């Protein structure tokens, strides 16, 4: 991948991270007809368009939070991002782990496949901490 392509991918990946933090899908980052394939532990959603992407995000994460871990690897057609999210709701601090594959067409994210662990409430996080010692937290 050339330096220019690497720089463009880095910029788009930064745009995806900004979207996760703000809920704003910049037109410089996402194609108008972006296709989203979103898989949860026991559900599957597909949608098309920036507005539909924003609506899904705001319904599933009405409280914006942080993205404390973030890794991006370029692919021949775009990039893969692995990340965690944290946010606060009325009943405490929530957490999830996700991986997203982004296809890039004409300089914008044209397709996004997201795989999410599901949202872990404070009780599930505590149960996990008691049951499992992670080797690389």
N, C-alpha and C. Protein backbone atom coordinates (compact mmCIF):
# COMPACT_ATOMS: atom_id res chain seq x y z
N UNK A 1 0.85 -1.18 0.00
CA UNK A 1 0.00 0.00 0.00
C UNK A 1 0.89 1.24 0.00
N UNK A 2 0.59 2.20 -0.81
CA UNK A 2 1.41 3.41 -0.88
C UNK A 2 1.18 4.28 0.35
N UNK A 3 2.08 5.22 0.59
CA UNK A 3 1.94 6.12 1.73
C UNK A 3 0.65 6.93 1.64
N UNK A 4 0.28 7.35 0.42
CA UNK A 4 -0.96 8.12 0.26
C UNK A 4 -2.16 7.26 0.63
N UNK A 5 -2.17 6.01 0.17
CA UNK A 5 -3.28 5.12 0.51
C UNK A 5 -3.31 4.85 2.01
N UNK A 6 -2.14 4.64 2.60
CA UNK A 6 -2.06 4.42 4.04
C UNK A 6 -2.57 5.61 4.82
N UNK A 7 -2.24 6.80 4.35
CA UNK A 7 -2.70 8.03 4.99
C UNK A 7 -4.21 8.17 4.85
N UNK A 8 -4.75 7.83 3.69
CA UNK A 8 -6.20 7.91 3.47
C UNK A 8 -6.93 6.92 4.37
N UNK A 9 -6.40 5.71 4.49
CA UNK A 9 -7.00 4.70 5.36
C UNK A 9 -6.96 5.16 6.80
N UNK A 10 -5.84 5.71 7.23
CA UNK A 10 -5.72 6.22 8.60
C UNK A 10 -6.76 7.32 8.86
N UNK A 11 -6.96 8.20 7.89
CA UNK A 11 -7.94 9.27 8.04
C UNK A 11 -9.36 8.72 8.14
N UNK A 12 -9.69 7.72 7.31
CA UNK A 12 -11.02 7.11 7.38
C UNK A 12 -11.22 6.36 8.70
N UNK A 13 -10.19 5.66 9.15
CA UNK A 13 -10.28 4.95 10.44
C UNK A 13 -10.48 5.95 11.57
N UNK A 14 -9.78 7.08 11.53
CA UNK A 14 -9.99 8.14 12.52
C UNK A 14 -11.43 8.66 12.46
N UNK A 15 -11.97 8.75 11.24
CA UNK A 15 -13.36 9.18 11.07
C UNK A 15 -14.34 8.19 11.67
N UNK A 16 -14.06 6.90 11.53
CA UNK A 16 -14.92 5.89 12.15
C UNK A 16 -14.86 6.03 13.67
N UNK A 17 -13.68 6.24 14.21
CA UNK A 17 -13.55 6.41 15.66
C UNK A 17 -14.30 7.66 16.13
N UNK A 18 -14.21 8.76 15.38
CA UNK A 18 -14.96 9.98 15.73
C UNK A 18 -16.45 9.69 15.74
N UNK A 19 -16.93 8.90 14.75
CA UNK A 19 -18.34 8.53 14.71
C UNK A 19 -18.73 7.79 15.98
N UNK A 20 -17.91 6.85 16.42
CA UNK A 20 -18.21 6.10 17.64
C UNK A 20 -18.27 7.02 18.86
N UNK A 21 -17.46 8.06 18.86
CA UNK A 21 -17.40 8.98 19.99
C UNK A 21 -18.51 10.04 19.97
N UNK A 22 -18.98 10.39 18.77
CA UNK A 22 -19.92 11.51 18.65
C UNK A 22 -21.30 11.14 18.10
N UNK A 23 -21.38 10.04 17.35
CA UNK A 23 -22.63 9.71 16.68
C UNK A 23 -22.85 10.50 15.40
N UNK A 24 -21.83 11.20 14.93
CA UNK A 24 -21.93 12.00 13.71
C UNK A 24 -21.19 11.27 12.58
N UNK A 25 -21.93 10.97 11.51
CA UNK A 25 -21.35 10.25 10.37
C UNK A 25 -20.98 11.26 9.29
N UNK A 26 -19.72 11.69 9.31
CA UNK A 26 -19.26 12.71 8.35
C UNK A 26 -19.36 12.20 6.92
N UNK A 27 -19.81 13.08 6.03
CA UNK A 27 -19.94 12.68 4.62
C UNK A 27 -18.58 12.47 3.96
N UNK A 28 -17.51 13.02 4.55
CA UNK A 28 -16.17 12.77 4.02
C UNK A 28 -15.67 11.37 4.39
N UNK A 29 -16.32 10.74 5.36
CA UNK A 29 -15.90 9.44 5.86
C UNK A 29 -16.78 8.33 5.31
N UNK A 30 -18.09 8.52 5.35
CA UNK A 30 -19.04 7.48 4.96
C UNK A 30 -19.73 7.83 3.65
N UNK A 31 -19.81 6.87 2.74
CA UNK A 31 -20.57 7.07 1.50
C UNK A 31 -22.04 7.30 1.87
N UNK A 32 -22.74 8.06 1.04
CA UNK A 32 -24.16 8.34 1.30
C UNK A 32 -24.96 7.06 1.41
N UNK A 33 -24.59 6.06 0.63
CA UNK A 33 -25.32 4.79 0.62
C UNK A 33 -24.55 3.68 1.32
N UNK A 34 -23.80 4.04 2.36
CA UNK A 34 -23.00 3.04 3.09
C UNK A 34 -23.90 1.87 3.50
N UNK A 35 -23.40 0.66 3.28
CA UNK A 35 -24.11 -0.55 3.68
C UNK A 35 -23.51 -1.01 5.01
N UNK A 36 -24.38 -1.30 5.98
CA UNK A 36 -23.93 -1.73 7.31
C UNK A 36 -24.52 -3.10 7.61
N UNK A 37 -23.66 -4.02 8.02
CA UNK A 37 -24.04 -5.37 8.42
C UNK A 37 -23.57 -5.52 9.86
N UNK A 38 -24.50 -5.48 10.83
CA UNK A 38 -24.18 -5.39 12.25
C UNK A 38 -24.64 -6.66 12.96
N UNK A 39 -23.68 -7.40 13.53
CA UNK A 39 -23.98 -8.66 14.20
C UNK A 39 -23.75 -8.53 15.69
N UNK A 40 -24.79 -8.87 16.45
CA UNK A 40 -24.73 -8.93 17.91
C UNK A 40 -24.77 -10.38 18.33
N UNK A 41 -24.60 -10.68 19.61
CA UNK A 41 -24.59 -12.10 20.02
C UNK A 41 -25.83 -12.88 19.59
N UNK A 42 -27.00 -12.26 19.64
CA UNK A 42 -28.20 -13.00 19.28
C UNK A 42 -29.13 -12.18 18.38
N UNK A 43 -28.52 -11.34 17.52
CA UNK A 43 -29.33 -10.53 16.62
C UNK A 43 -28.48 -10.11 15.44
N UNK A 44 -29.13 -9.72 14.36
CA UNK A 44 -28.42 -9.33 13.15
C UNK A 44 -29.23 -8.25 12.45
N UNK A 45 -28.57 -7.15 12.10
CA UNK A 45 -29.24 -6.00 11.47
C UNK A 45 -28.45 -5.59 10.24
N UNK A 46 -29.15 -5.24 9.18
CA UNK A 46 -28.52 -4.65 8.00
C UNK A 46 -29.27 -3.36 7.66
N UNK A 47 -28.53 -2.38 7.17
CA UNK A 47 -29.15 -1.11 6.78
C UNK A 47 -28.29 -0.43 5.73
N UNK A 48 -28.87 0.57 5.12
CA UNK A 48 -28.17 1.33 4.08
C UNK A 48 -28.36 2.82 4.34
N UNK A 49 -27.27 3.57 4.23
CA UNK A 49 -27.31 5.03 4.31
C UNK A 49 -26.75 5.59 5.61
N UNK A 50 -26.18 6.81 5.49
CA UNK A 50 -25.61 7.48 6.66
C UNK A 50 -26.65 7.76 7.73
N UNK A 51 -27.85 8.22 7.33
CA UNK A 51 -28.88 8.51 8.33
C UNK A 51 -29.28 7.26 9.09
N UNK A 52 -29.41 6.14 8.40
CA UNK A 52 -29.76 4.88 9.06
C UNK A 52 -28.64 4.44 10.00
N UNK A 53 -27.39 4.67 9.60
CA UNK A 53 -26.25 4.34 10.45
C UNK A 53 -26.30 5.17 11.74
N UNK A 54 -26.54 6.45 11.61
CA UNK A 54 -26.63 7.33 12.79
C UNK A 54 -27.79 6.90 13.68
N UNK A 55 -28.95 6.62 13.09
CA UNK A 55 -30.11 6.19 13.89
C UNK A 55 -29.82 4.92 14.67
N UNK A 56 -29.17 3.96 14.02
CA UNK A 56 -28.81 2.72 14.71
C UNK A 56 -27.88 3.01 15.89
N UNK A 57 -26.89 3.83 15.65
CA UNK A 57 -25.92 4.17 16.70
C UNK A 57 -26.61 4.84 17.88
N UNK A 58 -27.45 5.81 17.61
CA UNK A 58 -28.09 6.55 18.70
C UNK A 58 -29.11 5.71 19.45
N UNK A 59 -29.75 4.76 18.77
CA UNK A 59 -30.68 3.85 19.46
C UNK A 59 -29.92 2.88 20.35
N UNK A 60 -28.78 2.37 19.87
CA UNK A 60 -28.06 1.36 20.63
C UNK A 60 -27.12 1.97 21.67
N UNK A 61 -26.65 3.19 21.44
CA UNK A 61 -25.76 3.87 22.38
C UNK A 61 -26.19 5.32 22.54
N UNK A 62 -27.31 5.57 23.22
CA UNK A 62 -27.77 6.96 23.35
C UNK A 62 -26.80 7.82 24.16
N UNK A 63 -26.03 7.20 25.06
CA UNK A 63 -25.02 7.92 25.81
C UNK A 63 -23.66 7.67 25.15
N UNK A 64 -23.06 8.70 24.61
CA UNK A 64 -21.75 8.55 24.01
C UNK A 64 -20.73 8.30 25.11
N UNK A 65 -19.63 7.68 24.77
CA UNK A 65 -18.62 7.35 25.77
C UNK A 65 -17.22 7.49 25.22
N UNK A 66 -16.41 6.48 25.50
CA UNK A 66 -15.03 6.51 25.07
C UNK A 66 -14.69 5.24 24.30
N UNK A 67 -13.57 5.31 23.60
CA UNK A 67 -13.04 4.16 22.87
C UNK A 67 -11.62 3.96 23.40
N UNK A 68 -11.51 3.27 24.55
CA UNK A 68 -10.20 3.18 25.20
C UNK A 68 -9.16 2.32 24.50
N UNK A 69 -9.59 1.35 23.71
CA UNK A 69 -8.61 0.60 22.93
C UNK A 69 -9.02 0.63 21.47
N UNK A 70 -8.02 0.73 20.59
CA UNK A 70 -8.27 0.93 19.17
C UNK A 70 -7.08 0.41 18.39
N UNK A 71 -7.34 -0.50 17.48
CA UNK A 71 -6.29 -1.01 16.60
C UNK A 71 -6.86 -1.06 15.18
N UNK A 72 -6.07 -0.62 14.21
CA UNK A 72 -6.49 -0.63 12.81
C UNK A 72 -5.42 -1.32 11.98
N UNK A 73 -5.87 -2.22 11.11
CA UNK A 73 -4.98 -2.89 10.16
C UNK A 73 -5.54 -2.70 8.76
N UNK A 74 -4.74 -2.20 7.82
CA UNK A 74 -5.21 -2.05 6.44
C UNK A 74 -5.46 -3.41 5.80
N UNK A 75 -6.41 -3.44 4.89
CA UNK A 75 -6.68 -4.62 4.06
C UNK A 75 -6.63 -4.17 2.61
N UNK A 76 -6.63 -5.11 1.66
CA UNK A 76 -6.62 -4.70 0.26
C UNK A 76 -7.82 -3.83 -0.15
N UNK A 77 -8.95 -4.00 0.57
CA UNK A 77 -10.15 -3.24 0.19
C UNK A 77 -10.53 -2.16 1.19
N UNK A 78 -9.72 -1.96 2.24
CA UNK A 78 -10.05 -0.95 3.25
C UNK A 78 -9.27 -1.16 4.52
N UNK A 79 -9.97 -1.52 5.62
CA UNK A 79 -9.28 -1.75 6.88
C UNK A 79 -10.16 -2.54 7.84
N UNK A 80 -9.51 -3.08 8.86
CA UNK A 80 -10.18 -3.75 9.97
C UNK A 80 -9.83 -2.98 11.23
N UNK A 81 -10.83 -2.72 12.05
CA UNK A 81 -10.61 -2.04 13.34
C UNK A 81 -11.11 -2.95 14.46
N UNK A 82 -10.28 -3.08 15.49
CA UNK A 82 -10.65 -3.82 16.69
C UNK A 82 -10.64 -2.81 17.83
N UNK A 83 -11.71 -2.78 18.63
CA UNK A 83 -11.82 -1.73 19.63
C UNK A 83 -12.74 -2.13 20.78
N UNK A 84 -12.62 -1.36 21.86
CA UNK A 84 -13.55 -1.47 22.97
C UNK A 84 -14.23 -0.13 23.15
N UNK A 85 -15.42 -0.19 23.72
CA UNK A 85 -16.16 1.03 24.04
C UNK A 85 -16.58 0.99 25.50
N UNK A 86 -16.63 2.15 26.11
CA UNK A 86 -17.14 2.31 27.47
C UNK A 86 -18.06 3.52 27.47
N UNK A 87 -19.17 3.42 28.22
CA UNK A 87 -20.10 4.53 28.36
C UNK A 87 -20.85 4.39 29.66
N UNK A 88 -21.45 5.48 30.10
CA UNK A 88 -22.19 5.49 31.34
C UNK A 88 -23.68 5.63 31.05
N UNK A 89 -24.47 4.80 31.70
CA UNK A 89 -25.93 4.87 31.64
C UNK A 89 -26.43 5.03 33.06
N UNK A 90 -27.73 5.14 33.22
CA UNK A 90 -28.31 5.37 34.55
C UNK A 90 -27.89 4.32 35.56
N UNK A 91 -27.67 3.09 35.11
CA UNK A 91 -27.34 2.01 36.03
C UNK A 91 -25.84 1.70 36.09
N UNK A 92 -24.99 2.60 35.61
CA UNK A 92 -23.56 2.41 35.76
C UNK A 92 -22.78 2.42 34.46
N UNK A 93 -21.54 1.94 34.57
CA UNK A 93 -20.61 1.94 33.44
C UNK A 93 -20.77 0.65 32.63
N UNK A 94 -20.90 0.79 31.33
CA UNK A 94 -21.10 -0.32 30.40
C UNK A 94 -19.86 -0.50 29.54
N UNK A 95 -19.76 -1.67 28.90
CA UNK A 95 -18.56 -2.05 28.15
C UNK A 95 -18.95 -2.96 26.99
N UNK A 96 -18.23 -2.87 25.88
CA UNK A 96 -18.35 -3.87 24.81
C UNK A 96 -17.04 -3.93 24.04
N UNK A 97 -16.85 -5.07 23.35
CA UNK A 97 -15.70 -5.28 22.47
C UNK A 97 -16.26 -5.48 21.07
N UNK A 98 -15.58 -4.92 20.07
CA UNK A 98 -16.08 -5.00 18.71
C UNK A 98 -14.95 -5.14 17.70
N UNK A 99 -15.32 -5.65 16.55
CA UNK A 99 -14.42 -5.68 15.41
C UNK A 99 -15.23 -5.25 14.20
N UNK A 100 -14.64 -4.39 13.37
CA UNK A 100 -15.34 -3.89 12.19
C UNK A 100 -14.42 -4.01 10.97
N UNK A 101 -15.02 -4.46 9.88
CA UNK A 101 -14.31 -4.49 8.60
C UNK A 101 -14.94 -3.43 7.71
N UNK A 102 -14.12 -2.50 7.24
CA UNK A 102 -14.60 -1.41 6.40
C UNK A 102 -14.08 -1.59 4.98
N UNK A 103 -15.01 -1.56 4.02
CA UNK A 103 -14.63 -1.51 2.61
C UNK A 103 -14.64 -0.05 2.18
N UNK A 104 -13.64 0.34 1.41
CA UNK A 104 -13.51 1.73 0.97
C UNK A 104 -13.65 1.79 -0.54
N UNK A 105 -14.54 2.67 -0.98
CA UNK A 105 -14.77 2.91 -2.41
C UNK A 105 -14.77 4.42 -2.63
N UNK A 106 -14.02 4.88 -3.62
CA UNK A 106 -13.96 6.31 -3.95
C UNK A 106 -13.64 7.17 -2.72
N UNK A 107 -12.75 6.67 -1.86
CA UNK A 107 -12.27 7.47 -0.74
C UNK A 107 -13.20 7.53 0.46
N UNK A 108 -14.27 6.72 0.48
CA UNK A 108 -15.19 6.73 1.61
C UNK A 108 -15.50 5.29 2.03
N UNK A 109 -15.93 5.13 3.27
CA UNK A 109 -16.37 3.82 3.73
C UNK A 109 -17.69 3.52 3.05
N UNK A 110 -17.69 2.46 2.24
CA UNK A 110 -18.88 2.09 1.47
C UNK A 110 -19.63 0.91 2.07
N UNK A 111 -18.93 0.12 2.87
CA UNK A 111 -19.55 -1.02 3.55
C UNK A 111 -18.85 -1.21 4.89
N UNK A 112 -19.63 -1.56 5.89
CA UNK A 112 -19.09 -1.73 7.24
C UNK A 112 -19.76 -2.95 7.86
N UNK A 113 -18.94 -3.96 8.18
CA UNK A 113 -19.43 -5.15 8.88
C UNK A 113 -18.91 -5.07 10.31
N UNK A 114 -19.82 -5.09 11.28
CA UNK A 114 -19.45 -4.94 12.69
C UNK A 114 -19.88 -6.18 13.46
N UNK A 115 -18.97 -6.69 14.27
CA UNK A 115 -19.23 -7.83 15.14
C UNK A 115 -19.04 -7.36 16.57
N UNK A 116 -20.10 -7.44 17.37
CA UNK A 116 -20.09 -6.90 18.73
C UNK A 116 -20.33 -8.02 19.74
N UNK A 117 -19.63 -7.96 20.87
CA UNK A 117 -19.82 -8.94 21.93
C UNK A 117 -21.15 -8.77 22.63
N UNK A 118 -21.81 -7.65 22.39
CA UNK A 118 -22.99 -7.28 23.17
C UNK A 118 -22.55 -6.36 24.28
N UNK A 119 -23.51 -5.66 24.85
CA UNK A 119 -23.21 -4.67 25.87
C UNK A 119 -23.18 -5.35 27.25
N UNK A 120 -22.08 -5.14 27.95
CA UNK A 120 -21.90 -5.74 29.28
C UNK A 120 -22.24 -4.69 30.33
N UNK A 121 -23.27 -4.96 31.13
CA UNK A 121 -23.63 -4.06 32.22
C UNK A 121 -22.65 -4.24 33.38
N UNK A 122 -22.74 -3.41 34.43
CA UNK A 122 -21.78 -3.52 35.53
C UNK A 122 -21.78 -4.91 36.19
N UNK A 123 -22.94 -5.54 36.33
CA UNK A 123 -23.00 -6.87 36.98
C UNK A 123 -22.25 -7.92 36.15
N UNK A 124 -22.41 -7.91 34.85
CA UNK A 124 -21.71 -8.89 34.01
C UNK A 124 -20.20 -8.64 34.03
N UNK A 125 -19.79 -7.38 34.03
CA UNK A 125 -18.36 -7.08 34.11
C UNK A 125 -17.78 -7.60 35.43
N UNK A 126 -18.50 -7.42 36.53
CA UNK A 126 -18.02 -7.90 37.83
C UNK A 126 -17.95 -9.42 37.85
N UNK A 127 -18.96 -10.10 37.29
CA UNK A 127 -18.98 -11.55 37.23
C UNK A 127 -17.77 -12.05 36.41
N UNK A 128 -17.50 -11.38 35.30
CA UNK A 128 -16.36 -11.77 34.46
C UNK A 128 -15.04 -11.60 35.21
N UNK A 129 -14.88 -10.47 35.91
CA UNK A 129 -13.64 -10.22 36.67
C UNK A 129 -13.40 -11.30 37.73
N UNK A 130 -14.48 -11.78 38.35
CA UNK A 130 -14.36 -12.82 39.38
C UNK A 130 -14.04 -14.19 38.79
N UNK A 131 -14.51 -14.46 37.57
CA UNK A 131 -14.39 -15.79 36.98
C UNK A 131 -13.16 -15.97 36.10
N UNK A 132 -12.64 -14.88 35.54
CA UNK A 132 -11.61 -14.99 34.51
C UNK A 132 -10.45 -14.05 34.82
N UNK A 133 -9.24 -14.57 34.70
CA UNK A 133 -8.05 -13.73 34.75
C UNK A 133 -7.52 -13.62 33.34
N UNK A 134 -7.58 -12.42 32.80
CA UNK A 134 -7.11 -12.20 31.43
C UNK A 134 -5.59 -12.13 31.38
N UNK A 135 -5.02 -12.73 30.37
CA UNK A 135 -3.56 -12.71 30.19
C UNK A 135 -3.08 -11.37 29.65
N UNK A 136 -3.91 -10.77 28.80
CA UNK A 136 -3.59 -9.46 28.21
C UNK A 136 -4.82 -8.56 28.28
N UNK A 137 -5.04 -7.96 29.44
CA UNK A 137 -6.25 -7.12 29.60
C UNK A 137 -6.23 -5.89 28.71
